[in-house]
Amino acid sequence: NNIHIPNLCLDELKYKYPFFFEIAVRVGKLIDDELNISIDENDISFIEQHLGGALERMNFKNKYRVIVINPNNQALSGLCIKKIESIFHERIVVIGSINYFERKKILEAKPDLILTTLPLQHNLNILTAQISIFVNSHDEVEIFQALNQLDRNRSKLKFLSEFKSMMEPRFFYVDLDLGSPKEVLSFMSDELYKAGVVDENFKEAVFKREELSPTSFIYSFAVPHPVVANSMESKISVAVLKKPIQWGEFQVKLVLLLAIQEGKQKSLRTFFDWLSDIINDPQKLS
């Protein structure tokens, strides 16, 4: 009906959850292609909320394996485990309960996390959190923080394994002296094309993505990329500009141009998860 409905959470959705926003941008492009209806950033962000929620529910299927060490009787131990499972069932699966620390059993079980009701010291490379028998609100916070730490560790390992080979000196430009996003993207895309990393359509695809919504962020950087991953190789081209340029709403000094190989779209999720973590932590960003 051509009614403009603003989304008060637009900025937060766009800049704190860039991966979900990118998926919504893709959906917006499909709507435009199929129905000839152009939608703005507010509409895209409403779509993002639904897709983001659905994807998060899917991701919880990859649960962490937990062992509980509780020396109390079976009834008390069972109550403790049931409460943990009722609160954190979307993120964990309790694979065992033992009365005391048994190194052999724990190594065989290969848990991601040990929850113990007694003080415990060990030299295993397994995250451990101490909780009380009845799992109070403080214990819930301890478990939640432990799970978030596991998330960070998992993301870091994925990022290092996937992106270590994607940045190369030949695609790293310092003091690039260009005056507009189009000039910067043209130069970086042309260099990737000359190296055989992308085809001749890559540059135009990057421009079309920018038309849908600028890929700049409030902290002086931009992450341009095409809507569809179709590069011959996966590379990240990096440019540190000599002077900031206006890019959408923001002044940009650092540009990370993503060229992702067809079939490797999951790499984008890993990259944007890392980006979200960096954006929300000023010390890491610095």
C-alpha atoms as a PDB file:
ATOM      1  CA  ASN A   1       0.000   0.000   0.000  1.00  0.00           C
ATOM      2  CA  ASN A   2       3.059   2.270  -0.198  1.00  0.00           C
ATOM      3  CA  ILE A   3       2.817   3.103   3.497  1.00  0.00           C
ATOM      4  CA  HIS A   4       6.089   4.164   5.125  1.00  0.00           C
ATOM      5  CA  ILE A   5       6.526   2.464   8.523  1.00  0.00           C
ATOM      6  CA  PRO A   6       9.694   3.484  10.402  1.00  0.00           C
ATOM      7  CA  ASN A   7      11.508   0.915  12.531  1.00  0.00           C
ATOM      8  CA  LEU A   8      12.828   2.540  15.703  1.00  0.00           C
ATOM      9  CA  CYS A   9      15.387  -0.271  16.046  1.00  0.00           C
ATOM     10  CA  LEU A  10      16.785   0.166  12.510  1.00  0.00           C
ATOM     11  CA  ASP A  11      20.278   1.334  13.494  1.00  0.00           C
ATOM     12  CA  GLU A  12      20.695  -1.332  16.162  1.00  0.00           C
ATOM     13  CA  LEU A  13      19.499  -4.098  13.826  1.00  0.00           C
ATOM     14  CA  LYS A  14      21.672  -2.926  10.961  1.00  0.00           C
ATOM     15  CA  TYR A  15      24.936  -2.295  12.763  1.00  0.00           C
ATOM     16  CA  LYS A  16      24.863  -4.752  15.675  1.00  0.00           C
ATOM     17  CA  TYR A  17      23.614  -7.721  13.627  1.00  0.00           C
ATOM     18  CA  PRO A  18      25.119  -7.216  10.162  1.00  0.00           C
ATOM     19  CA  PHE A  19      24.823 -10.851   9.074  1.00  0.00           C
ATOM     20  CA  PHE A  20      21.067 -10.951   9.640  1.00  0.00           C
ATOM     21  CA  PHE A  21      20.747  -7.603   7.890  1.00  0.00           C
ATOM     22  CA  GLU A  22      22.620  -8.981   4.880  1.00  0.00           C
ATOM     23  CA  ILE A  23      20.200 -11.903   4.613  1.00  0.00           C
ATOM     24  CA  ALA A  24      17.262  -9.475   4.812  1.00  0.00           C
ATOM     25  CA  VAL A  25      18.855  -7.342   2.067  1.00  0.00           C
ATOM     26  CA  ARG A  26      18.999 -10.466  -0.096  1.00  0.00           C
ATOM     27  CA  VAL A  27      15.319 -11.166   0.602  1.00  0.00           C
ATOM     28  CA  GLY A  28      14.502  -7.556  -0.264  1.00  0.00           C
ATOM     29  CA  LYS A  29      16.286  -7.993  -3.595  1.00  0.00           C
ATOM     30  CA  LEU A  30      14.296 -11.172  -4.309  1.00  0.00           C
ATOM     31  CA  ILE A  31      11.039  -9.335  -3.535  1.00  0.00           C
ATOM     32  CA  ASP A  32      12.081  -6.571  -5.931  1.00  0.00           C
ATOM     33  CA  ASP A  33      13.052  -9.056  -8.665  1.00  0.00           C
ATOM     34  CA  GLU A  34       9.921 -11.204  -8.356  1.00  0.00           C
ATOM     35  CA  LEU A  35       7.225  -8.622  -7.526  1.00  0.00           C
ATOM     36  CA  ASN A  36       8.791  -5.395  -8.772  1.00  0.00           C
ATOM     37  CA  ILE A  37       8.298  -3.839  -5.326  1.00  0.00           C
ATOM     38  CA  SER A  38      11.214  -1.850  -3.948  1.00  0.00           C
ATOM     39  CA  ILE A  39      11.496  -1.862  -0.167  1.00  0.00           C
ATOM     40  CA  ASP A  40      13.511   0.508   1.997  1.00  0.00           C
ATOM     41  CA  GLU A  41      15.844  -0.104   4.939  1.00  0.00           C
ATOM     42  CA  ASN A  42      12.970  -0.001   7.445  1.00  0.00           C
ATOM     43  CA  ASP A  43      11.163  -2.831   5.636  1.00  0.00           C
ATOM     44  CA  ILE A  44      14.440  -4.743   5.358  1.00  0.00           C
ATOM     45  CA  SER A  45      15.018  -4.426   9.116  1.00  0.00           C
ATOM     46  CA  PHE A  46      11.519  -5.772   9.872  1.00  0.00           C
ATOM     47  CA  ILE A  47      12.327  -8.824   7.710  1.00  0.00           C
ATOM     48  CA  GLU A  48      15.660  -9.108   9.540  1.00  0.00           C
ATOM     49  CA  GLN A  49      13.943  -9.505  12.919  1.00  0.00           C
ATOM     50  CA  HIS A  50      12.032 -12.582  11.741  1.00  0.00           C
ATOM     51  CA  LEU A  51      14.951 -14.179   9.906  1.00  0.00           C
ATOM     52  CA  GLY A  52      17.344 -13.468  12.772  1.00  0.00           C
ATOM     53  CA  GLY A  53      15.058 -15.165  15.283  1.00  0.00           C
ATOM     54  CA  ALA A  54      14.628 -18.201  13.038  1.00  0.00           C
ATOM     55  CA  LEU A  55      18.374 -18.556  12.407  1.00  0.00           C
ATOM     56  CA  GLU A  56      19.195 -18.273  16.102  1.00  0.00           C
ATOM     57  CA  ARG A  57      16.756 -21.084  16.860  1.00  0.00           C
ATOM     58  CA  MET A  58      18.422 -23.216  14.179  1.00  0.00           C
ATOM     59  CA  ASN A  59      21.888 -22.502  15.562  1.00  0.00           C
ATOM     60  CA  PHE A  60      20.932 -23.774  19.008  1.00  0.00           C
ATOM     61  CA  LYS A  61      20.763 -27.285  17.531  1.00  0.00           C
ATOM     62  CA  ASN A  62      24.554 -27.352  17.814  1.00  0.00           C
ATOM     63  CA  LYS A  63      24.461 -27.774  21.586  1.00  0.00           C
ATOM     64  CA  TYR A  64      27.351 -27.890  24.035  1.00  0.00           C
ATOM     65  CA  ARG A  65      28.068 -31.165  25.824  1.00  0.00           C
ATOM     66  CA  VAL A  66      27.995 -30.786  29.621  1.00  0.00           C
ATOM     67  CA  ILE A  67      29.058 -33.074  32.475  1.00  0.00           C
ATOM     68  CA  VAL A  68      27.762 -32.360  35.983  1.00  0.00           C
ATOM     69  CA  ILE A  69      29.861 -33.307  39.024  1.00  0.00           C
ATOM     70  CA  ASN A  70      27.612 -33.534  42.076  1.00  0.00           C
ATOM     71  CA  PRO A  71      28.446 -35.660  45.142  1.00  0.00           C
ATOM     72  CA  ASN A  72      24.905 -35.454  46.566  1.00  0.00           C
ATOM     73  CA  ASN A  73      22.311 -38.226  46.512  1.00  0.00           C
ATOM     74  CA  GLN A  74      20.530 -39.140  43.310  1.00  0.00           C
ATOM     75  CA  ALA A  75      17.354 -37.170  44.089  1.00  0.00           C
ATOM     76  CA  LEU A  76      19.206 -33.892  44.753  1.00  0.00           C
ATOM     77  CA  SER A  77      21.528 -34.443  41.814  1.00  0.00           C
ATOM     78  CA  GLY A  78      18.555 -35.129  39.541  1.00  0.00           C
ATOM     79  CA  LEU A  79      16.808 -31.921  40.638  1.00  0.00           C
ATOM     80  CA  CYS A  80      19.958 -29.925  39.937  1.00  0.00           C
ATOM     81  CA  ILE A  81      20.288 -31.351  36.419  1.00  0.00           C
ATOM     82  CA  LYS A  82      16.594 -30.893  35.614  1.00  0.00           C
ATOM     83  CA  LYS A  83      16.759 -27.229  36.572  1.00  0.00           C
ATOM     84  CA  ILE A  84      19.880 -26.673  34.445  1.00  0.00           C
ATOM     85  CA  GLU A  85      18.267 -28.408  31.476  1.00  0.00           C
ATOM     86  CA  SER A  86      14.985 -26.518  31.833  1.00  0.00           C
ATOM     87  CA  ILE A  87      16.781 -23.158  31.721  1.00  0.00           C
ATOM     88  CA  PHE A  88      19.488 -23.907  29.141  1.00  0.00           C
ATOM     89  CA  HIS A  89      17.921 -26.714  27.064  1.00  0.00           C
ATOM     90  CA  GLU A  90      18.364 -24.744  23.824  1.00  0.00           C
ATOM     91  CA  ARG A  91      22.136 -24.479  24.288  1.00  0.00           C
ATOM     92  CA  ILE A  92      23.304 -27.577  26.172  1.00  0.00           C
ATOM     93  CA  VAL A  93      22.819 -31.305  26.517  1.00  0.00           C
ATOM     94  CA  VAL A  94      23.833 -32.955  29.801  1.00  0.00           C
ATOM     95  CA  ILE A  95      25.748 -36.054  28.708  1.00  0.00           C
ATOM     96  CA  GLY A  96      26.495 -37.382  32.182  1.00  0.00           C
ATOM     97  CA  SER A  97      26.471 -36.916  35.939  1.00  0.00           C
ATOM     98  CA  ILE A  98      29.233 -38.216  38.213  1.00  0.00           C
ATOM     99  CA  ASN A  99      29.767 -38.003  41.974  1.00  0.00           C
ATOM    100  CA  TYR A 100      33.377 -36.864  41.885  1.00  0.00           C
ATOM    101  CA  PHE A 101      36.096 -35.897  39.432  1.00  0.00           C
ATOM    102  CA  GLU A 102      37.133 -38.942  37.411  1.00  0.00           C
ATOM    103  CA  ARG A 103      39.696 -37.942  34.828  1.00  0.00           C
ATOM    104  CA  LYS A 104      39.275 -41.047  32.659  1.00  0.00           C
ATOM    105  CA  LYS A 105      35.471 -40.755  32.486  1.00  0.00           C
ATOM    106  CA  ILE A 106      35.638 -37.081  31.623  1.00  0.00           C
ATOM    107  CA  LEU A 107      38.207 -37.599  28.879  1.00  0.00           C
ATOM    108  CA  GLU A 108      36.077 -40.384  27.390  1.00  0.00           C
ATOM    109  CA  ALA A 109      32.939 -38.220  27.462  1.00  0.00           C
ATOM    110  CA  LYS A 110      34.684 -35.241  25.764  1.00  0.00           C
ATOM    111  CA  PRO A 111      32.494 -32.531  27.306  1.00  0.00           C
ATOM    112  CA  ASP A 112      32.649 -28.864  26.315  1.00  0.00           C
ATOM    113  CA  LEU A 113      31.823 -27.734  29.853  1.00  0.00           C
ATOM    114  CA  ILE A 114      32.080 -29.125  33.388  1.00  0.00           C
ATOM    115  CA  LEU A 115      29.576 -27.914  35.986  1.00  0.00           C
ATOM    116  CA  THR A 116      30.535 -28.815  39.552  1.00  0.00           C
ATOM    117  CA  THR A 117      28.861 -28.235  42.930  1.00  0.00           C
ATOM    118  CA  LEU A 118      32.239 -28.540  44.703  1.00  0.00           C
ATOM    119  CA  PRO A 119      35.435 -26.499  44.325  1.00  0.00           C
ATOM    120  CA  LEU A 120      37.445 -28.203  41.598  1.00  0.00           C
ATOM    121  CA  GLN A 121      40.926 -27.794  40.178  1.00  0.00           C
ATOM    122  CA  HIS A 122      42.250 -29.810  37.254  1.00  0.00           C
ATOM    123  CA  ASN A 123      44.672 -29.470  34.355  1.00  0.00           C
ATOM    124  CA  LEU A 124      42.277 -30.481  31.567  1.00  0.00           C
ATOM    125  CA  ASN A 125      41.605 -27.981  28.803  1.00  0.00           C
ATOM    126  CA  ILE A 126      37.865 -27.976  29.579  1.00  0.00           C
ATOM    127  CA  LEU A 127      35.980 -24.910  30.766  1.00  0.00           C
ATOM    128  CA  THR A 128      34.680 -25.426  34.327  1.00  0.00           C
ATOM    129  CA  ALA A 129      32.110 -23.491  36.365  1.00  0.00           C
ATOM    130  CA  GLN A 130      31.169 -23.999  40.008  1.00  0.00           C
ATOM    131  CA  ILE A 131      27.469 -23.823  40.881  1.00  0.00           C
ATOM    132  CA  SER A 132      25.345 -24.547  43.950  1.00  0.00           C
ATOM    133  CA  ILE A 133      23.154 -27.615  44.468  1.00  0.00           C
ATOM    134  CA  PHE A 134      19.886 -25.729  43.927  1.00  0.00           C
ATOM    135  CA  VAL A 135      21.035 -23.562  40.976  1.00  0.00           C
ATOM    136  CA  ASN A 136      20.144 -20.036  42.075  1.00  0.00           C
ATOM    137  CA  SER A 137      20.148 -16.851  40.002  1.00  0.00           C
ATOM    138  CA  HIS A 138      23.890 -16.357  40.559  1.00  0.00           C
ATOM    139  CA  ASP A 139      24.528 -19.877  39.195  1.00  0.00           C
ATOM    140  CA  GLU A 140      22.395 -19.102  36.143  1.00  0.00           C
ATOM    141  CA  VAL A 141      24.642 -16.116  35.428  1.00  0.00           C
ATOM    142  CA  GLU A 142      27.763 -18.292  35.857  1.00  0.00           C
ATOM    143  CA  ILE A 143      26.453 -20.886  33.391  1.00  0.00           C
ATOM    144  CA  PHE A 144      25.317 -18.206  30.945  1.00  0.00           C
ATOM    145  CA  GLN A 145      28.772 -16.577  31.017  1.00  0.00           C
ATOM    146  CA  ALA A 146      30.462 -19.951  30.539  1.00  0.00           C
ATOM    147  CA  LEU A 147      28.301 -20.687  27.483  1.00  0.00           C
ATOM    148  CA  ASN A 148      29.045 -17.263  26.035  1.00  0.00           C
ATOM    149  CA  GLN A 149      32.763 -17.954  26.521  1.00  0.00           C
ATOM    150  CA  LEU A 150      32.347 -21.228  24.627  1.00  0.00           C
ATOM    151  CA  ASP A 151      30.582 -19.305  21.846  1.00  0.00           C
ATOM    152  CA  ARG A 152      33.496 -16.870  21.639  1.00  0.00           C
ATOM    153  CA  ASN A 153      36.056 -19.687  21.602  1.00  0.00           C
ATOM    154  CA  ARG A 154      34.178 -21.505  18.854  1.00  0.00           C
ATOM    155  CA  SER A 155      33.840 -18.352  16.764  1.00  0.00           C
ATOM    156  CA  LYS A 156      37.525 -17.541  17.164  1.00  0.00           C
ATOM    157  CA  LEU A 157      38.605 -21.005  16.004  1.00  0.00           C
ATOM    158  CA  LYS A 158      36.247 -20.871  13.015  1.00  0.00           C
ATOM    159  CA  PHE A 159      37.425 -17.385  12.104  1.00  0.00           C
ATOM    160  CA  LEU A 160      41.108 -18.307  12.264  1.00  0.00           C
ATOM    161  CA  SER A 161      40.659 -21.526  10.288  1.00  0.00           C
ATOM    162  CA  GLU A 162      38.552 -19.900   7.554  1.00  0.00           C
ATOM    163  CA  PHE A 163      40.098 -16.451   7.174  1.00  0.00           C
ATOM    164  CA  LYS A 164      43.807 -16.943   7.761  1.00  0.00           C
ATOM    165  CA  SER A 165      44.385 -17.613   4.058  1.00  0.00           C
ATOM    166  CA  MET A 166      41.924 -15.000   2.788  1.00  0.00           C
ATOM    167  CA  MET A 167      44.061 -11.920   3.482  1.00  0.00           C
ATOM    168  CA  GLU A 168      47.211 -11.425   1.417  1.00  0.00           C
ATOM    169  CA  PRO A 169      49.749  -8.584   1.068  1.00  0.00           C
ATOM    170  CA  ARG A 170      48.915  -8.214  -2.646  1.00  0.00           C
ATOM    171  CA  PHE A 171      45.346  -7.174  -1.755  1.00  0.00           C
ATOM    172  CA  PHE A 172      46.303  -4.868   1.133  1.00  0.00           C
ATOM    173  CA  TYR A 173      46.528  -1.156   0.306  1.00  0.00           C
ATOM    174  CA  VAL A 174      47.817   1.527   2.676  1.00  0.00           C
ATOM    175  CA  ASP A 175      47.247   5.274   2.164  1.00  0.00           C
ATOM    176  CA  LEU A 176      44.945   4.708  -0.798  1.00  0.00           C
ATOM    177  CA  ASP A 177      44.228   8.238  -2.037  1.00  0.00           C
ATOM    178  CA  LEU A 178      40.772   8.130  -3.634  1.00  0.00           C
ATOM    179  CA  GLY A 179      37.826  10.448  -3.065  1.00  0.00           C
ATOM    180  CA  SER A 180      34.628   8.391  -3.283  1.00  0.00           C
ATOM    181  CA  PRO A 181      33.270   4.916  -2.488  1.00  0.00           C
ATOM    182  CA  LYS A 182      32.823   4.227  -6.198  1.00  0.00           C
ATOM    183  CA  GLU A 183      36.485   5.018  -6.928  1.00  0.00           C
ATOM    184  CA  VAL A 184      37.663   2.850  -4.035  1.00  0.00           C
ATOM    185  CA  LEU A 185      35.446  -0.082  -5.020  1.00  0.00           C
ATOM    186  CA  SER A 186      36.425   0.216  -8.681  1.00  0.00           C
ATOM    187  CA  PHE A 187      40.130   0.094  -7.839  1.00  0.00           C
ATOM    188  CA  MET A 188      39.840  -2.816  -5.389  1.00  0.00           C
ATOM    189  CA  SER A 189      37.491  -4.816  -7.641  1.00  0.00           C
ATOM    190  CA  ASP A 190      39.724  -4.287 -10.672  1.00  0.00           C
ATOM    191  CA  GLU A 191      42.747  -5.583  -8.761  1.00  0.00           C
ATOM    192  CA  LEU A 192      40.836  -8.726  -7.750  1.00  0.00           C
ATOM    193  CA  TYR A 193      39.726  -9.178 -11.359  1.00  0.00           C
ATOM    194  CA  LYS A 194      43.288  -8.811 -12.699  1.00  0.00           C
ATOM    195  CA  ALA A 195      44.419 -11.512 -10.257  1.00  0.00           C
ATOM    196  CA  GLY A 196      41.706 -13.899 -11.466  1.00  0.00           C
ATOM    197  CA  VAL A 197      39.902 -13.972  -8.110  1.00  0.00           C
ATOM    198  CA  VAL A 198      36.590 -12.581  -9.454  1.00  0.00           C
ATOM    199  CA  ASP A 199      34.875 -12.317 -12.840  1.00  0.00           C
ATOM    200  CA  GLU A 200      34.003  -9.184 -14.817  1.00  0.00           C
ATOM    201  CA  ASN A 201      30.546  -8.940 -13.174  1.00  0.00           C
ATOM    202  CA  PHE A 202      31.903  -8.665  -9.626  1.00  0.00           C
ATOM    203  CA  LYS A 203      32.353  -4.882  -9.569  1.00  0.00           C
ATOM    204  CA  GLU A 204      28.833  -4.184 -10.830  1.00  0.00           C
ATOM    205  CA  ALA A 205      27.424  -6.641  -8.259  1.00  0.00           C
ATOM    206  CA  VAL A 206      29.232  -4.754  -5.472  1.00  0.00           C
ATOM    207  CA  PHE A 207      27.791  -1.435  -6.737  1.00  0.00           C
ATOM    208  CA  LYS A 208      24.272  -2.923  -6.798  1.00  0.00           C
ATOM    209  CA  ARG A 209      24.644  -4.090  -3.193  1.00  0.00           C
ATOM    210  CA  GLU A 210      25.665  -0.572  -2.149  1.00  0.00           C
ATOM    211  CA  GLU A 211      22.560   0.831  -3.859  1.00  0.00           C
ATOM    212  CA  LEU A 212      20.334  -1.354  -1.670  1.00  0.00           C
ATOM    213  CA  SER A 213      21.933  -0.077   1.554  1.00  0.00           C
ATOM    214  CA  PRO A 214      25.416   1.391   2.188  1.00  0.00           C
ATOM    215  CA  THR A 215      27.767  -1.072   3.890  1.00  0.00           C
ATOM    216  CA  SER A 216      29.464   1.546   6.060  1.00  0.00           C
ATOM    217  CA  PHE A 217      29.516   1.444   9.858  1.00  0.00           C
ATOM    218  CA  ILE A 218      29.645   4.132  12.519  1.00  0.00           C
ATOM    219  CA  TYR A 219      33.234   3.261  13.484  1.00  0.00           C
ATOM    220  CA  SER A 220      34.790   4.548  10.221  1.00  0.00           C
ATOM    221  CA  PHE A 221      34.847   1.331   8.220  1.00  0.00           C
ATOM    222  CA  ALA A 222      32.895  -0.323   5.409  1.00  0.00           C
ATOM    223  CA  VAL A 223      32.397  -3.963   4.446  1.00  0.00           C
ATOM    224  CA  PRO A 224      31.297  -3.953   0.786  1.00  0.00           C
ATOM    225  CA  HIS A 225      30.460  -7.178  -1.054  1.00  0.00           C
ATOM    226  CA  PRO A 226      28.112  -8.487  -3.748  1.00  0.00           C
ATOM    227  CA  VAL A 227      24.669  -9.822  -2.816  1.00  0.00           C
ATOM    228  CA  VAL A 228      25.542 -13.281  -4.154  1.00  0.00           C
ATOM    229  CA  ALA A 229      28.787 -15.152  -3.425  1.00  0.00           C
ATOM    230  CA  ASN A 230      30.200 -16.045  -6.844  1.00  0.00           C
ATOM    231  CA  SER A 231      33.971 -15.457  -6.757  1.00  0.00           C
ATOM    232  CA  MET A 232      36.487 -17.977  -8.062  1.00  0.00           C
ATOM    233  CA  GLU A 233      38.441 -17.734  -4.775  1.00  0.00           C
ATOM    234  CA  SER A 234      37.619 -16.387  -1.327  1.00  0.00           C
ATOM    235  CA  LYS A 235      39.645 -13.276  -0.510  1.00  0.00           C
ATOM    236  CA  ILE A 236      39.334 -10.151   1.626  1.00  0.00           C
ATOM    237  CA  SER A 237      40.782  -7.043   0.009  1.00  0.00           C
ATOM    238  CA  VAL A 238      41.766  -4.381   2.559  1.00  0.00           C
ATOM    239  CA  ALA A 239      42.257  -0.651   2.007  1.00  0.00           C
ATOM    240  CA  VAL A 240      43.364   1.916   4.574  1.00  0.00           C
ATOM    241  CA  LEU A 241      42.447   5.245   2.998  1.00  0.00           C
ATOM    242  CA  LYS A 242      44.753   8.251   3.112  1.00  0.00           C
ATOM    243  CA  LYS A 243      41.836  10.441   4.233  1.00  0.00           C
ATOM    244  CA  PRO A 244      38.287   9.568   5.319  1.00  0.00           C
ATOM    245  CA  ILE A 245      35.566   9.705   2.680  1.00  0.00           C
ATOM    246  CA  GLN A 246      31.787  10.014   3.011  1.00  0.00           C
ATOM    247  CA  TRP A 247      30.211   6.578   2.626  1.00  0.00           C
ATOM    248  CA  GLY A 248      26.458   6.588   3.175  1.00  0.00           C
ATOM    249  CA  GLU A 249      25.861   8.108   6.612  1.00  0.00           C
ATOM    250  CA  PHE A 250      29.432   7.743   7.860  1.00  0.00           C
ATOM    251  CA  GLN A 251      33.009   8.825   7.215  1.00  0.00           C
ATOM    252  CA  VAL A 252      35.065   5.768   6.285  1.00  0.00           C
ATOM    253  CA  LYS A 253      38.827   5.180   6.623  1.00  0.00           C
ATOM    254  CA  LEU A 254      39.034   1.357   6.448  1.00  0.00           C
ATOM    255  CA  VAL A 255      37.474  -0.788   3.693  1.00  0.00           C
ATOM    256  CA  LEU A 256      37.155  -4.588   3.797  1.00  0.00           C
ATOM    257  CA  LEU A 257      35.953  -5.825   0.403  1.00  0.00           C
ATOM    258  CA  LEU A 258      34.674  -9.405   0.615  1.00  0.00           C
ATOM    259  CA  ALA A 259      35.018 -11.743  -2.346  1.00  0.00           C
ATOM    260  CA  ILE A 260      33.516 -15.072  -1.307  1.00  0.00           C
ATOM    261  CA  GLN A 261      33.710 -18.201  -3.418  1.00  0.00           C
ATOM    262  CA  GLU A 262      30.470 -19.765  -4.614  1.00  0.00           C
ATOM    263  CA  GLY A 263      29.417 -22.497  -2.200  1.00  0.00           C
ATOM    264  CA  LYS A 264      31.331 -20.894   0.701  1.00  0.00           C
ATOM    265  CA  GLN A 265      28.500 -18.627   1.895  1.00  0.00           C
ATOM    266  CA  LYS A 266      28.825 -19.975   5.440  1.00  0.00           C
ATOM    267  CA  SER A 267      32.074 -18.039   5.649  1.00  0.00           C
ATOM    268  CA  LEU A 268      30.008 -14.854   5.596  1.00  0.00           C
ATOM    269  CA  ARG A 269      28.238 -15.912   8.788  1.00  0.00           C
ATOM    270  CA  THR A 270      31.570 -16.522  10.493  1.00  0.00           C
ATOM    271  CA  PHE A 271      32.880 -13.150   9.314  1.00  0.00           C
ATOM    272  CA  PHE A 272      29.824 -11.198  10.424  1.00  0.00           C
ATOM    273  CA  ASP A 273      29.700 -12.994  13.790  1.00  0.00           C
ATOM    274  CA  TRP A 274      33.291 -11.852  14.312  1.00  0.00           C
ATOM    275  CA  LEU A 275      32.376  -8.348  13.138  1.00  0.00           C
ATOM    276  CA  SER A 276      29.427  -8.154  15.553  1.00  0.00           C
ATOM    277  CA  ASP A 277      31.686  -9.183  18.419  1.00  0.00           C
ATOM    278  CA  ILE A 278      34.233  -6.502  17.479  1.00  0.00           C
ATOM    279  CA  ILE A 279      31.635  -3.748  17.039  1.00  0.00           C
ATOM    280  CA  ASN A 280      30.171  -4.381  20.470  1.00  0.00           C
ATOM    281  CA  ASP A 281      33.553  -4.212  22.207  1.00  0.00           C
ATOM    282  CA  PRO A 282      35.326  -0.807  21.823  1.00  0.00           C
ATOM    283  CA  GLN A 283      38.594  -2.214  23.185  1.00  0.00           C
ATOM    284  CA  LYS A 284      38.686  -5.019  20.576  1.00  0.00           C
ATOM    285  CA  LEU A 285      37.715  -2.571  17.838  1.00  0.00           C
ATOM    286  CA  SER A 286      40.564  -0.261  18.802  1.00  0.00           C
END
